[in-house]
Amino acid sequence: MAITDRAIDQAFADLHKSSGGVRNDYFGILYLEQEIGLEREHAISQVAFGGNDYGIDGFHFDSEKRNLYLFQFKWSNSHAQFKESLNRLIESGMERIFGAKDQDQHQNQLLLKIKSCINENEAVIDRVCVHFIFTGDPAEAERNQVLDKLREDVENKKYLIDQRFGRPVTMVWNSAQRERAGSDQRNIFARHTPTLCGSMTPLRAPAQMARR
């Protein structure tokens, strides 16, 4: 099932009073429900609401695949929106998630949940998978020189992951396009989806739909 503007608006209307945040946060909830298969209650607990997210909007741990997923969600076709998120991840996010022992008193609850998840599962986490989910073209995002440099700067922080786990842990990057329903295309391209992180099996993009 495709995620639509209407579905995001409905989730926002249903949950905003109890969860807060902004409309884009609810794209993350729907994504985790549809792509990961989480129940809504669990999806809500794995998404950040509001600001001060240190460059991470959501997370999920898959015990079978031994993967810790970190997500940035943008209900937009513009990859430029990831620049600020990457900068926050570089400046303090990686340190806060994997390195800092002290806590930022203003940090959102998601960061605490990620750190708790790592503490509970550190012996069985083999990969940290960073996914940037939006409605644009991931191939174009990967060709962007500014984003490529920022991604390299994040990768230079991988030592924090290895230090946290006391062993080498693989870091995997993915940019994935989420179908925007109602468009004249269904090219849901991804090198591999979050559930395939760690597998090098590529996914073929469906053919474009003819214009109506």
N, C-alpha and C. Protein backbone atom coordinates (compact mmCIF):
# COMPACT_ATOMS: atom_id res chain seq x y z
N MET A 1 0.85 -1.19 0.00
CA MET A 1 0.00 0.00 0.00
C MET A 1 0.88 1.24 0.00
N ALA A 2 0.54 2.20 -0.85
CA ALA A 2 1.34 3.42 -0.95
C ALA A 2 1.02 4.36 0.20
N ILE A 3 2.01 5.14 0.60
CA ILE A 3 1.80 6.20 1.58
C ILE A 3 1.34 7.43 0.82
N THR A 4 0.28 8.04 1.28
CA THR A 4 -0.29 9.20 0.61
C THR A 4 -0.29 10.42 1.54
N ASP A 5 -0.45 11.59 0.94
CA ASP A 5 -0.61 12.80 1.75
C ASP A 5 -1.81 12.66 2.68
N ARG A 6 -2.86 12.07 2.17
CA ARG A 6 -4.06 11.90 2.98
C ARG A 6 -3.79 11.00 4.18
N ALA A 7 -3.02 9.91 3.97
CA ALA A 7 -2.70 9.00 5.08
C ALA A 7 -1.85 9.70 6.14
N ILE A 8 -0.91 10.53 5.70
CA ILE A 8 -0.08 11.27 6.64
C ILE A 8 -0.93 12.27 7.41
N ASP A 9 -1.82 12.98 6.70
CA ASP A 9 -2.71 13.93 7.37
C ASP A 9 -3.58 13.23 8.41
N GLN A 10 -4.07 12.03 8.09
CA GLN A 10 -4.92 11.31 9.01
C GLN A 10 -4.15 10.86 10.25
N ALA A 11 -2.93 10.34 10.03
CA ALA A 11 -2.11 9.93 11.16
C ALA A 11 -1.77 11.12 12.05
N PHE A 12 -1.48 12.25 11.43
CA PHE A 12 -1.18 13.48 12.17
C PHE A 12 -2.38 13.91 13.00
N ALA A 13 -3.57 13.87 12.38
CA ALA A 13 -4.79 14.27 13.09
C ALA A 13 -5.09 13.32 14.24
N ASP A 14 -4.87 12.02 14.04
CA ASP A 14 -5.18 11.02 15.06
C ASP A 14 -4.23 11.05 16.24
N LEU A 15 -2.96 11.37 15.96
CA LEU A 15 -1.92 11.14 16.98
C LEU A 15 -1.24 12.40 17.51
N HIS A 16 -1.45 13.53 16.83
CA HIS A 16 -0.70 14.72 17.20
C HIS A 16 -0.96 15.15 18.63
N LYS A 17 -2.20 15.03 19.10
CA LYS A 17 -2.54 15.48 20.44
C LYS A 17 -1.74 14.73 21.50
N SER A 18 -1.51 13.43 21.28
CA SER A 18 -0.78 12.62 22.26
C SER A 18 0.72 12.58 22.00
N SER A 19 1.11 12.67 20.72
CA SER A 19 2.53 12.49 20.38
C SER A 19 3.26 13.79 20.06
N GLY A 20 2.52 14.82 19.61
CA GLY A 20 3.15 16.09 19.27
C GLY A 20 3.90 16.00 17.94
N GLY A 21 4.93 16.83 17.81
CA GLY A 21 5.73 16.80 16.59
C GLY A 21 5.11 17.54 15.43
N VAL A 22 5.69 17.33 14.27
CA VAL A 22 5.23 17.98 13.04
C VAL A 22 4.76 16.92 12.05
N ARG A 23 4.13 17.37 10.99
CA ARG A 23 3.51 16.45 10.03
C ARG A 23 4.51 15.44 9.47
N ASN A 24 5.72 15.87 9.15
CA ASN A 24 6.70 14.97 8.54
C ASN A 24 7.04 13.79 9.44
N ASP A 25 6.92 13.97 10.77
CA ASP A 25 7.22 12.88 11.70
C ASP A 25 6.30 11.68 11.45
N TYR A 26 5.10 11.95 10.96
CA TYR A 26 4.10 10.89 10.80
C TYR A 26 4.32 10.09 9.52
N PHE A 27 5.09 10.62 8.61
CA PHE A 27 5.57 9.83 7.47
C PHE A 27 6.43 8.69 8.00
N GLY A 28 7.26 8.98 8.99
CA GLY A 28 8.12 7.95 9.57
C GLY A 28 7.32 6.82 10.18
N ILE A 29 6.24 7.15 10.87
CA ILE A 29 5.39 6.13 11.48
C ILE A 29 4.81 5.22 10.40
N LEU A 30 4.25 5.80 9.35
CA LEU A 30 3.65 5.01 8.28
C LEU A 30 4.69 4.16 7.57
N TYR A 31 5.89 4.70 7.41
CA TYR A 31 6.96 3.93 6.76
C TYR A 31 7.32 2.70 7.58
N LEU A 32 7.49 2.87 8.88
CA LEU A 32 7.84 1.73 9.73
C LEU A 32 6.71 0.70 9.77
N GLU A 33 5.48 1.16 9.71
CA GLU A 33 4.35 0.24 9.67
C GLU A 33 4.36 -0.59 8.39
N GLN A 34 4.55 0.08 7.26
CA GLN A 34 4.40 -0.60 5.97
C GLN A 34 5.65 -1.34 5.53
N GLU A 35 6.81 -0.76 5.74
CA GLU A 35 8.04 -1.38 5.24
C GLU A 35 8.67 -2.36 6.24
N ILE A 36 8.54 -2.07 7.51
CA ILE A 36 9.12 -2.94 8.53
C ILE A 36 8.08 -3.90 9.08
N GLY A 37 6.81 -3.50 9.02
CA GLY A 37 5.73 -4.35 9.51
C GLY A 37 5.44 -4.17 10.99
N LEU A 38 5.77 -2.99 11.54
CA LEU A 38 5.53 -2.74 12.95
C LEU A 38 4.07 -2.39 13.21
N GLU A 39 3.58 -2.78 14.36
CA GLU A 39 2.29 -2.30 14.82
C GLU A 39 2.43 -0.81 15.14
N ARG A 40 1.32 -0.08 15.05
CA ARG A 40 1.40 1.37 15.23
C ARG A 40 2.02 1.76 16.55
N GLU A 41 1.66 1.10 17.62
CA GLU A 41 2.21 1.44 18.94
C GLU A 41 3.73 1.35 18.95
N HIS A 42 4.26 0.30 18.32
CA HIS A 42 5.71 0.15 18.27
C HIS A 42 6.35 1.16 17.33
N ALA A 43 5.68 1.46 16.21
CA ALA A 43 6.21 2.45 15.28
C ALA A 43 6.32 3.82 15.94
N ILE A 44 5.29 4.18 16.71
CA ILE A 44 5.30 5.46 17.41
C ILE A 44 6.49 5.56 18.35
N SER A 45 6.82 4.46 19.01
CA SER A 45 7.91 4.47 19.99
C SER A 45 9.28 4.52 19.35
N GLN A 46 9.35 4.36 18.02
CA GLN A 46 10.65 4.33 17.34
C GLN A 46 10.84 5.50 16.38
N VAL A 47 10.06 6.56 16.59
CA VAL A 47 10.15 7.76 15.76
C VAL A 47 10.32 8.97 16.66
N ALA A 48 11.11 9.96 16.19
CA ALA A 48 11.31 11.20 16.93
C ALA A 48 10.19 12.17 16.60
N PHE A 49 9.72 12.89 17.60
CA PHE A 49 8.69 13.92 17.41
C PHE A 49 9.28 15.26 17.80
N GLY A 50 9.22 16.21 16.88
CA GLY A 50 9.78 17.52 17.15
C GLY A 50 11.25 17.58 16.79
N GLY A 51 11.93 18.62 17.26
CA GLY A 51 13.32 18.85 16.88
C GLY A 51 14.31 18.17 17.81
N ASN A 52 15.55 18.66 17.72
CA ASN A 52 16.67 18.17 18.56
C ASN A 52 16.87 16.66 18.39
N ASP A 53 16.84 16.21 17.12
CA ASP A 53 16.93 14.77 16.85
C ASP A 53 18.34 14.31 16.52
N TYR A 54 19.31 15.22 16.49
CA TYR A 54 20.70 14.87 16.21
C TYR A 54 20.88 14.17 14.87
N GLY A 55 19.97 14.42 13.93
CA GLY A 55 20.11 13.86 12.59
C GLY A 55 19.49 12.49 12.42
N ILE A 56 18.76 11.98 13.41
CA ILE A 56 18.10 10.68 13.30
C ILE A 56 16.61 10.85 13.62
N ASP A 57 15.75 10.40 12.70
CA ASP A 57 14.30 10.53 12.89
C ASP A 57 13.64 9.26 13.39
N GLY A 58 14.31 8.13 13.24
CA GLY A 58 13.70 6.87 13.66
C GLY A 58 14.74 5.77 13.73
N PHE A 59 14.34 4.65 14.35
CA PHE A 59 15.25 3.52 14.44
C PHE A 59 14.45 2.22 14.52
N HIS A 60 15.15 1.12 14.29
CA HIS A 60 14.55 -0.20 14.46
C HIS A 60 15.68 -1.22 14.60
N PHE A 61 15.48 -2.19 15.49
CA PHE A 61 16.45 -3.27 15.63
C PHE A 61 15.81 -4.57 15.17
N ASP A 62 16.48 -5.26 14.24
CA ASP A 62 16.02 -6.55 13.73
C ASP A 62 16.94 -7.63 14.31
N SER A 63 16.41 -8.38 15.26
CA SER A 63 17.24 -9.37 15.96
C SER A 63 17.64 -10.53 15.05
N GLU A 64 16.78 -10.87 14.09
CA GLU A 64 17.10 -11.98 13.18
C GLU A 64 18.24 -11.61 12.24
N LYS A 65 18.20 -10.41 11.69
CA LYS A 65 19.24 -9.98 10.77
C LYS A 65 20.42 -9.33 11.50
N ARG A 66 20.23 -9.08 12.79
CA ARG A 66 21.28 -8.49 13.64
C ARG A 66 21.65 -7.09 13.16
N ASN A 67 20.64 -6.35 12.69
CA ASN A 67 20.84 -5.00 12.15
C ASN A 67 20.19 -3.96 13.04
N LEU A 68 20.90 -2.87 13.29
CA LEU A 68 20.33 -1.69 13.90
C LEU A 68 20.14 -0.67 12.80
N TYR A 69 18.88 -0.28 12.54
CA TYR A 69 18.56 0.69 11.49
C TYR A 69 18.39 2.07 12.09
N LEU A 70 19.02 3.06 11.47
CA LEU A 70 18.84 4.46 11.82
C LEU A 70 18.27 5.17 10.60
N PHE A 71 17.17 5.91 10.78
CA PHE A 71 16.46 6.50 9.65
C PHE A 71 16.43 8.02 9.72
N GLN A 72 16.47 8.63 8.51
CA GLN A 72 16.06 10.02 8.31
C GLN A 72 14.90 9.99 7.33
N PHE A 73 13.79 10.60 7.70
CA PHE A 73 12.59 10.60 6.86
C PHE A 73 12.30 12.00 6.34
N LYS A 74 12.09 12.12 5.03
CA LYS A 74 11.69 13.39 4.42
C LYS A 74 10.56 13.12 3.43
N TRP A 75 9.39 13.65 3.69
CA TRP A 75 8.28 13.54 2.74
C TRP A 75 8.47 14.63 1.70
N SER A 76 9.47 14.44 0.87
CA SER A 76 9.88 15.44 -0.12
C SER A 76 10.69 14.74 -1.19
N ASN A 77 10.71 15.33 -2.39
CA ASN A 77 11.55 14.77 -3.46
C ASN A 77 12.90 15.47 -3.54
N SER A 78 13.18 16.36 -2.58
CA SER A 78 14.43 17.12 -2.59
C SER A 78 15.46 16.49 -1.67
N HIS A 79 16.55 16.00 -2.24
CA HIS A 79 17.61 15.42 -1.41
C HIS A 79 18.38 16.49 -0.65
N ALA A 80 18.22 17.76 -1.05
CA ALA A 80 18.93 18.85 -0.36
C ALA A 80 18.51 18.95 1.10
N GLN A 81 17.32 18.45 1.43
CA GLN A 81 16.84 18.52 2.81
C GLN A 81 17.66 17.64 3.75
N PHE A 82 18.44 16.72 3.21
CA PHE A 82 19.26 15.86 4.05
C PHE A 82 20.56 16.53 4.51
N LYS A 83 20.91 17.66 3.93
CA LYS A 83 22.17 18.31 4.28
C LYS A 83 22.21 18.69 5.75
N GLU A 84 21.14 19.31 6.23
CA GLU A 84 21.10 19.73 7.63
C GLU A 84 21.15 18.52 8.56
N SER A 85 20.44 17.46 8.17
CA SER A 85 20.42 16.25 9.01
C SER A 85 21.81 15.63 9.09
N LEU A 86 22.51 15.56 7.96
CA LEU A 86 23.85 15.01 7.96
C LEU A 86 24.80 15.85 8.79
N ASN A 87 24.65 17.17 8.70
CA ASN A 87 25.51 18.04 9.52
C ASN A 87 25.27 17.81 11.01
N ARG A 88 24.01 17.63 11.41
CA ARG A 88 23.73 17.37 12.83
C ARG A 88 24.30 16.02 13.25
N LEU A 89 24.24 15.04 12.35
CA LEU A 89 24.80 13.72 12.65
C LEU A 89 26.31 13.81 12.83
N ILE A 90 26.96 14.63 12.00
CA ILE A 90 28.41 14.79 12.07
C ILE A 90 28.82 15.56 13.32
N GLU A 91 28.13 16.68 13.57
CA GLU A 91 28.54 17.58 14.64
C GLU A 91 28.32 16.97 16.03
N SER A 92 27.23 16.22 16.20
CA SER A 92 26.98 15.71 17.54
C SER A 92 26.22 14.39 17.59
N GLY A 93 25.51 14.04 16.50
CA GLY A 93 24.67 12.85 16.54
C GLY A 93 25.42 11.55 16.78
N MET A 94 26.47 11.32 16.01
CA MET A 94 27.22 10.07 16.17
C MET A 94 27.83 9.98 17.56
N GLU A 95 28.32 11.09 18.06
CA GLU A 95 28.90 11.12 19.40
C GLU A 95 27.84 10.85 20.45
N ARG A 96 26.67 11.48 20.30
CA ARG A 96 25.60 11.31 21.29
C ARG A 96 25.06 9.88 21.30
N ILE A 97 24.95 9.26 20.14
CA ILE A 97 24.39 7.91 20.06
C ILE A 97 25.40 6.87 20.53
N PHE A 98 26.63 6.99 20.06
CA PHE A 98 27.60 5.90 20.28
C PHE A 98 28.73 6.23 21.25
N GLY A 99 28.90 7.53 21.58
CA GLY A 99 30.06 7.86 22.37
C GLY A 99 29.80 8.49 23.72
N ALA A 100 28.88 9.43 23.79
CA ALA A 100 28.74 10.25 24.99
C ALA A 100 28.17 9.46 26.16
N LYS A 101 28.81 9.61 27.31
CA LYS A 101 28.28 9.02 28.53
C LYS A 101 27.33 9.99 29.23
N ASP A 102 27.60 11.30 29.06
CA ASP A 102 26.71 12.30 29.65
C ASP A 102 25.50 12.49 28.74
N GLN A 103 24.43 12.97 29.29
CA GLN A 103 23.19 13.12 28.55
C GLN A 103 22.86 14.60 28.35
N ASP A 104 22.36 14.92 27.17
CA ASP A 104 21.83 16.25 26.89
C ASP A 104 20.45 16.32 27.51
N GLN A 105 20.26 17.24 28.43
CA GLN A 105 18.99 17.32 29.14
C GLN A 105 17.83 17.71 28.23
N HIS A 106 18.16 18.23 27.04
CA HIS A 106 17.11 18.66 26.10
C HIS A 106 16.92 17.67 24.95
N GLN A 107 17.63 16.56 24.98
CA GLN A 107 17.51 15.60 23.88
C GLN A 107 16.12 14.97 23.88
N ASN A 108 15.69 14.54 22.69
CA ASN A 108 14.37 13.90 22.63
C ASN A 108 14.46 12.47 23.13
N GLN A 109 13.30 11.90 23.37
CA GLN A 109 13.23 10.56 23.95
C GLN A 109 13.78 9.49 23.01
N LEU A 110 13.75 9.76 21.69
CA LEU A 110 14.22 8.76 20.74
C LEU A 110 15.68 8.40 21.00
N LEU A 111 16.50 9.39 21.28
CA LEU A 111 17.92 9.12 21.51
C LEU A 111 18.11 8.20 22.71
N LEU A 112 17.33 8.44 23.76
CA LEU A 112 17.41 7.58 24.93
C LEU A 112 17.00 6.15 24.58
N LYS A 113 15.99 6.01 23.73
CA LYS A 113 15.52 4.68 23.33
C LYS A 113 16.55 3.97 22.47
N ILE A 114 17.22 4.70 21.59
CA ILE A 114 18.28 4.10 20.77
C ILE A 114 19.40 3.59 21.65
N LYS A 115 19.83 4.42 22.60
CA LYS A 115 20.92 4.03 23.48
C LYS A 115 20.51 2.83 24.34
N SER A 116 19.26 2.80 24.78
CA SER A 116 18.77 1.66 25.56
C SER A 116 18.75 0.40 24.71
N CYS A 117 18.32 0.54 23.45
CA CYS A 117 18.30 -0.60 22.53
C CYS A 117 19.71 -1.14 22.32
N ILE A 118 20.68 -0.25 22.16
CA ILE A 118 22.07 -0.67 21.97
C ILE A 118 22.57 -1.39 23.22
N ASN A 119 22.25 -0.86 24.39
CA ASN A 119 22.70 -1.50 25.64
C ASN A 119 22.14 -2.91 25.77
N GLU A 120 20.88 -3.08 25.39
CA GLU A 120 20.23 -4.38 25.54
C GLU A 120 20.68 -5.40 24.50
N ASN A 121 21.14 -4.91 23.33
CA ASN A 121 21.41 -5.81 22.21
C ASN A 121 22.83 -5.71 21.67
N GLU A 122 23.74 -5.10 22.43
CA GLU A 122 25.07 -4.84 21.89
C GLU A 122 25.80 -6.11 21.45
N ALA A 123 25.52 -7.24 22.09
CA ALA A 123 26.23 -8.48 21.75
C ALA A 123 25.78 -9.06 20.42
N VAL A 124 24.60 -8.65 19.93
CA VAL A 124 24.05 -9.27 18.72
C VAL A 124 23.85 -8.27 17.58
N ILE A 125 24.34 -7.06 17.72
CA ILE A 125 24.28 -6.08 16.63
C ILE A 125 25.55 -6.22 15.80
N ASP A 126 25.38 -6.61 14.54
CA ASP A 126 26.52 -6.77 13.63
C ASP A 126 26.65 -5.63 12.63
N ARG A 127 25.53 -4.94 12.36
CA ARG A 127 25.53 -3.87 11.36
C ARG A 127 24.71 -2.69 11.84
N VAL A 128 25.21 -1.50 11.54
CA VAL A 128 24.45 -0.27 11.74
C VAL A 128 24.11 0.25 10.34
N CYS A 129 22.82 0.28 10.03
CA CYS A 129 22.35 0.63 8.69
C CYS A 129 21.70 2.00 8.72
N VAL A 130 22.27 2.95 8.00
CA VAL A 130 21.76 4.32 7.97
C VAL A 130 20.96 4.51 6.68
N HIS A 131 19.67 4.83 6.82
CA HIS A 131 18.79 4.95 5.67
C HIS A 131 18.20 6.34 5.57
N PHE A 132 18.27 6.91 4.38
CA PHE A 132 17.67 8.22 4.10
C PHE A 132 16.48 7.97 3.18
N ILE A 133 15.28 8.17 3.72
CA ILE A 133 14.04 7.83 3.02
C ILE A 133 13.34 9.10 2.57
N PHE A 134 13.08 9.20 1.27
CA PHE A 134 12.37 10.36 0.74
C PHE A 134 11.65 9.96 -0.53
N THR A 135 11.00 10.90 -1.21
CA THR A 135 10.22 10.56 -2.40
C THR A 135 10.94 10.93 -3.69
N GLY A 136 12.19 11.36 -3.59
CA GLY A 136 12.94 11.72 -4.78
C GLY A 136 13.76 10.58 -5.33
N ASP A 137 14.75 10.92 -6.14
CA ASP A 137 15.58 9.93 -6.83
C ASP A 137 16.85 9.67 -6.02
N PRO A 138 17.01 8.46 -5.44
CA PRO A 138 18.21 8.18 -4.64
C PRO A 138 19.49 8.20 -5.46
N ALA A 139 19.40 7.83 -6.74
CA ALA A 139 20.60 7.85 -7.58
C ALA A 139 21.11 9.28 -7.73
N GLU A 140 20.19 10.22 -7.87
CA GLU A 140 20.58 11.63 -7.96
C GLU A 140 21.20 12.10 -6.66
N ALA A 141 20.62 11.67 -5.54
CA ALA A 141 21.18 12.05 -4.23
C ALA A 141 22.59 11.52 -4.08
N GLU A 142 22.83 10.29 -4.51
CA GLU A 142 24.15 9.69 -4.36
C GLU A 142 25.19 10.34 -5.27
N ARG A 143 24.74 10.98 -6.35
CA ARG A 143 25.67 11.68 -7.25
C ARG A 143 26.00 13.08 -6.76
N ASN A 144 25.24 13.58 -5.80
CA ASN A 144 25.44 14.94 -5.32
C ASN A 144 26.75 15.04 -4.53
N GLN A 145 27.63 15.93 -4.95
CA GLN A 145 28.97 16.01 -4.36
C GLN A 145 28.94 16.51 -2.91
N VAL A 146 28.01 17.42 -2.62
CA VAL A 146 27.92 17.94 -1.25
C VAL A 146 27.49 16.83 -0.30
N LEU A 147 26.44 16.08 -0.67
CA LEU A 147 25.98 14.99 0.17
C LEU A 147 27.03 13.90 0.28
N ASP A 148 27.76 13.66 -0.80
CA ASP A 148 28.81 12.63 -0.77
C ASP A 148 29.90 13.01 0.22
N LYS A 149 30.27 14.29 0.25
CA LYS A 149 31.29 14.75 1.20
C LYS A 149 30.77 14.64 2.63
N LEU A 150 29.51 15.00 2.86
CA LEU A 150 28.94 14.90 4.20
C LEU A 150 28.85 13.45 4.64
N ARG A 151 28.49 12.58 3.73
CA ARG A 151 28.42 11.16 4.07
C ARG A 151 29.81 10.64 4.44
N GLU A 152 30.82 11.09 3.71
CA GLU A 152 32.19 10.69 4.04
C GLU A 152 32.58 11.16 5.44
N ASP A 153 32.13 12.36 5.80
CA ASP A 153 32.43 12.90 7.13
C ASP A 153 31.75 12.05 8.21
N VAL A 154 30.53 11.57 7.93
CA VAL A 154 29.86 10.69 8.89
C VAL A 154 30.61 9.37 8.99
N GLU A 155 31.03 8.83 7.87
CA GLU A 155 31.75 7.56 7.88
C GLU A 155 33.05 7.66 8.66
N ASN A 156 33.64 8.86 8.69
CA ASN A 156 34.86 9.06 9.47
C ASN A 156 34.60 8.96 10.97
N LYS A 157 33.33 8.97 11.35
CA LYS A 157 32.96 8.81 12.76
C LYS A 157 32.68 7.34 13.11
N LYS A 158 32.91 6.44 12.19
CA LYS A 158 32.62 5.03 12.44
C LYS A 158 33.42 4.48 13.62
N TYR A 159 34.56 5.06 13.89
CA TYR A 159 35.36 4.59 15.03
C TYR A 159 34.55 4.64 16.32
N LEU A 160 33.60 5.58 16.41
CA LEU A 160 32.76 5.67 17.61
C LEU A 160 31.89 4.42 17.76
N ILE A 161 31.41 3.89 16.63
CA ILE A 161 30.61 2.67 16.65
C ILE A 161 31.47 1.50 17.12
N ASP A 162 32.65 1.37 16.53
CA ASP A 162 33.54 0.26 16.89
C ASP A 162 33.95 0.34 18.36
N GLN A 163 34.22 1.55 18.84
CA GLN A 163 34.59 1.71 20.25
C GLN A 163 33.42 1.35 21.16
N ARG A 164 32.22 1.74 20.76
CA ARG A 164 31.05 1.46 21.59
C ARG A 164 30.82 -0.04 21.74
N PHE A 165 31.00 -0.80 20.65
CA PHE A 165 30.74 -2.23 20.69
C PHE A 165 31.98 -3.04 21.06
N GLY A 166 33.14 -2.42 21.07
CA GLY A 166 34.36 -3.12 21.41
C GLY A 166 34.81 -4.09 20.33
N ARG A 167 34.35 -3.88 19.11
CA ARG A 167 34.69 -4.76 17.98
C ARG A 167 34.28 -4.04 16.70
N PRO A 168 34.81 -4.46 15.54
CA PRO A 168 34.39 -3.84 14.28
C PRO A 168 32.92 -4.15 13.98
N VAL A 169 32.14 -3.13 13.69
CA VAL A 169 30.74 -3.28 13.30
C VAL A 169 30.55 -2.60 11.95
N THR A 170 29.95 -3.32 11.02
CA THR A 170 29.76 -2.79 9.66
C THR A 170 28.78 -1.63 9.66
N MET A 171 29.09 -0.60 8.88
CA MET A 171 28.19 0.53 8.69
C MET A 171 27.72 0.53 7.24
N VAL A 172 26.41 0.50 7.03
CA VAL A 172 25.83 0.39 5.70
C VAL A 172 24.98 1.62 5.42
N TRP A 173 25.16 2.19 4.22
CA TRP A 173 24.38 3.37 3.81
C TRP A 173 23.38 3.00 2.75
N ASN A 174 22.22 3.60 2.80
CA ASN A 174 21.23 3.44 1.74
C ASN A 174 20.39 4.70 1.60
N SER A 175 20.10 5.03 0.35
CA SER A 175 19.11 6.06 0.05
C SER A 175 17.98 5.35 -0.65
N ALA A 176 16.78 5.47 -0.14
CA ALA A 176 15.65 4.74 -0.71
C ALA A 176 14.52 5.69 -1.06
N GLN A 177 13.89 5.43 -2.20
CA GLN A 177 12.76 6.23 -2.63
C GLN A 177 11.48 5.55 -2.22
N ARG A 178 10.59 6.29 -1.61
CA ARG A 178 9.29 5.76 -1.23
C ARG A 178 8.26 6.27 -2.21
N GLU A 179 7.45 5.38 -2.73
CA GLU A 179 6.43 5.75 -3.71
C GLU A 179 5.50 6.80 -3.14
N ARG A 180 5.27 7.85 -3.90
CA ARG A 180 4.28 8.86 -3.56
C ARG A 180 3.04 8.55 -4.38
N ALA A 181 2.02 8.08 -3.74
CA ALA A 181 0.81 7.66 -4.45
C ALA A 181 0.17 8.84 -5.14
N GLY A 182 -0.42 8.55 -6.31
CA GLY A 182 -1.09 9.58 -7.06
C GLY A 182 -0.21 10.18 -8.13
N SER A 183 1.09 9.84 -8.14
CA SER A 183 1.97 10.33 -9.19
C SER A 183 1.81 9.46 -10.41
N ASP A 184 2.47 9.85 -11.50
CA ASP A 184 2.35 9.07 -12.72
C ASP A 184 3.48 8.07 -12.84
N GLN A 185 4.22 7.82 -11.74
CA GLN A 185 5.30 6.87 -11.77
C GLN A 185 5.21 5.94 -10.57
N ARG A 186 5.81 4.76 -10.70
CA ARG A 186 5.92 3.85 -9.58
C ARG A 186 7.34 3.30 -9.51
N ASN A 187 8.31 4.17 -9.80
CA ASN A 187 9.69 3.71 -9.80
C ASN A 187 10.25 3.74 -8.38
N ILE A 188 9.90 2.70 -7.61
CA ILE A 188 10.34 2.64 -6.22
C ILE A 188 11.74 2.04 -6.22
N PHE A 189 12.73 2.84 -6.51
CA PHE A 189 14.08 2.34 -6.64
C PHE A 189 14.78 2.33 -5.29
N ALA A 190 15.49 1.27 -5.01
CA ALA A 190 16.37 1.21 -3.85
C ALA A 190 17.43 0.18 -4.13
N ARG A 191 18.66 0.45 -3.74
CA ARG A 191 19.70 -0.56 -3.91
C ARG A 191 19.35 -1.81 -3.13
N HIS A 192 18.86 -1.63 -1.92
CA HIS A 192 18.20 -2.69 -1.19
C HIS A 192 17.38 -2.05 -0.08
N THR A 193 16.26 -2.63 0.22
CA THR A 193 15.35 -2.03 1.18
C THR A 193 15.87 -2.24 2.58
N PRO A 194 15.32 -1.53 3.58
CA PRO A 194 15.79 -1.71 4.95
C PRO A 194 15.76 -3.15 5.42
N THR A 195 14.78 -3.93 5.00
CA THR A 195 14.72 -5.31 5.46
C THR A 195 15.80 -6.17 4.81
N LEU A 196 16.49 -5.64 3.79
CA LEU A 196 17.54 -6.39 3.13
C LEU A 196 18.92 -5.82 3.45
N CYS A 197 18.99 -4.93 4.41
CA CYS A 197 20.29 -4.35 4.77
C CYS A 197 21.26 -5.46 5.12
N GLY A 198 22.43 -5.40 4.52
CA GLY A 198 23.41 -6.44 4.74
C GLY A 198 23.41 -7.45 3.61
N SER A 199 22.33 -7.50 2.86
CA SER A 199 22.28 -8.35 1.67
C SER A 199 22.60 -7.49 0.47
N MET A 200 23.37 -7.99 -0.45
CA MET A 200 23.73 -7.21 -1.62
C MET A 200 22.78 -7.47 -2.79
N THR A 201 21.60 -8.00 -2.50
CA THR A 201 20.62 -8.26 -3.53
C THR A 201 19.97 -6.97 -3.99
N PRO A 202 20.16 -6.56 -5.27
CA PRO A 202 19.55 -5.32 -5.74
C PRO A 202 18.08 -5.53 -6.08
N LEU A 203 17.31 -4.46 -5.99
CA LEU A 203 15.91 -4.51 -6.38
C LEU A 203 15.76 -3.78 -7.70
N ARG A 204 14.99 -4.34 -8.61
CA ARG A 204 14.72 -3.67 -9.87
C ARG A 204 13.55 -2.72 -9.68
N ALA A 205 13.65 -1.55 -10.31
CA ALA A 205 12.56 -0.59 -10.23
C ALA A 205 11.46 -0.99 -11.19
N PRO A 206 10.19 -0.97 -10.74
CA PRO A 206 9.09 -1.26 -11.66
C PRO A 206 9.06 -0.26 -12.80
N ALA A 207 8.53 -0.65 -13.93
CA ALA A 207 8.44 0.23 -15.08
C ALA A 207 7.53 1.40 -14.77
N GLN A 208 7.75 2.52 -15.44
CA GLN A 208 6.92 3.70 -15.24
C GLN A 208 5.50 3.40 -15.72
N MET A 209 4.55 3.97 -15.01
CA MET A 209 3.17 3.88 -15.44
C MET A 209 2.92 4.90 -16.54
N ALA A 210 2.10 4.55 -17.46
CA ALA A 210 1.76 5.49 -18.53
C ALA A 210 0.96 6.64 -17.97
N ARG A 211 1.14 7.81 -18.51
CA ARG A 211 0.35 8.96 -18.07
C ARG A 211 -1.11 8.73 -18.40
N ARG A 212 -1.94 9.10 -17.48
CA ARG A 212 -3.37 8.97 -17.70
C ARG A 212 -3.93 10.22 -18.33
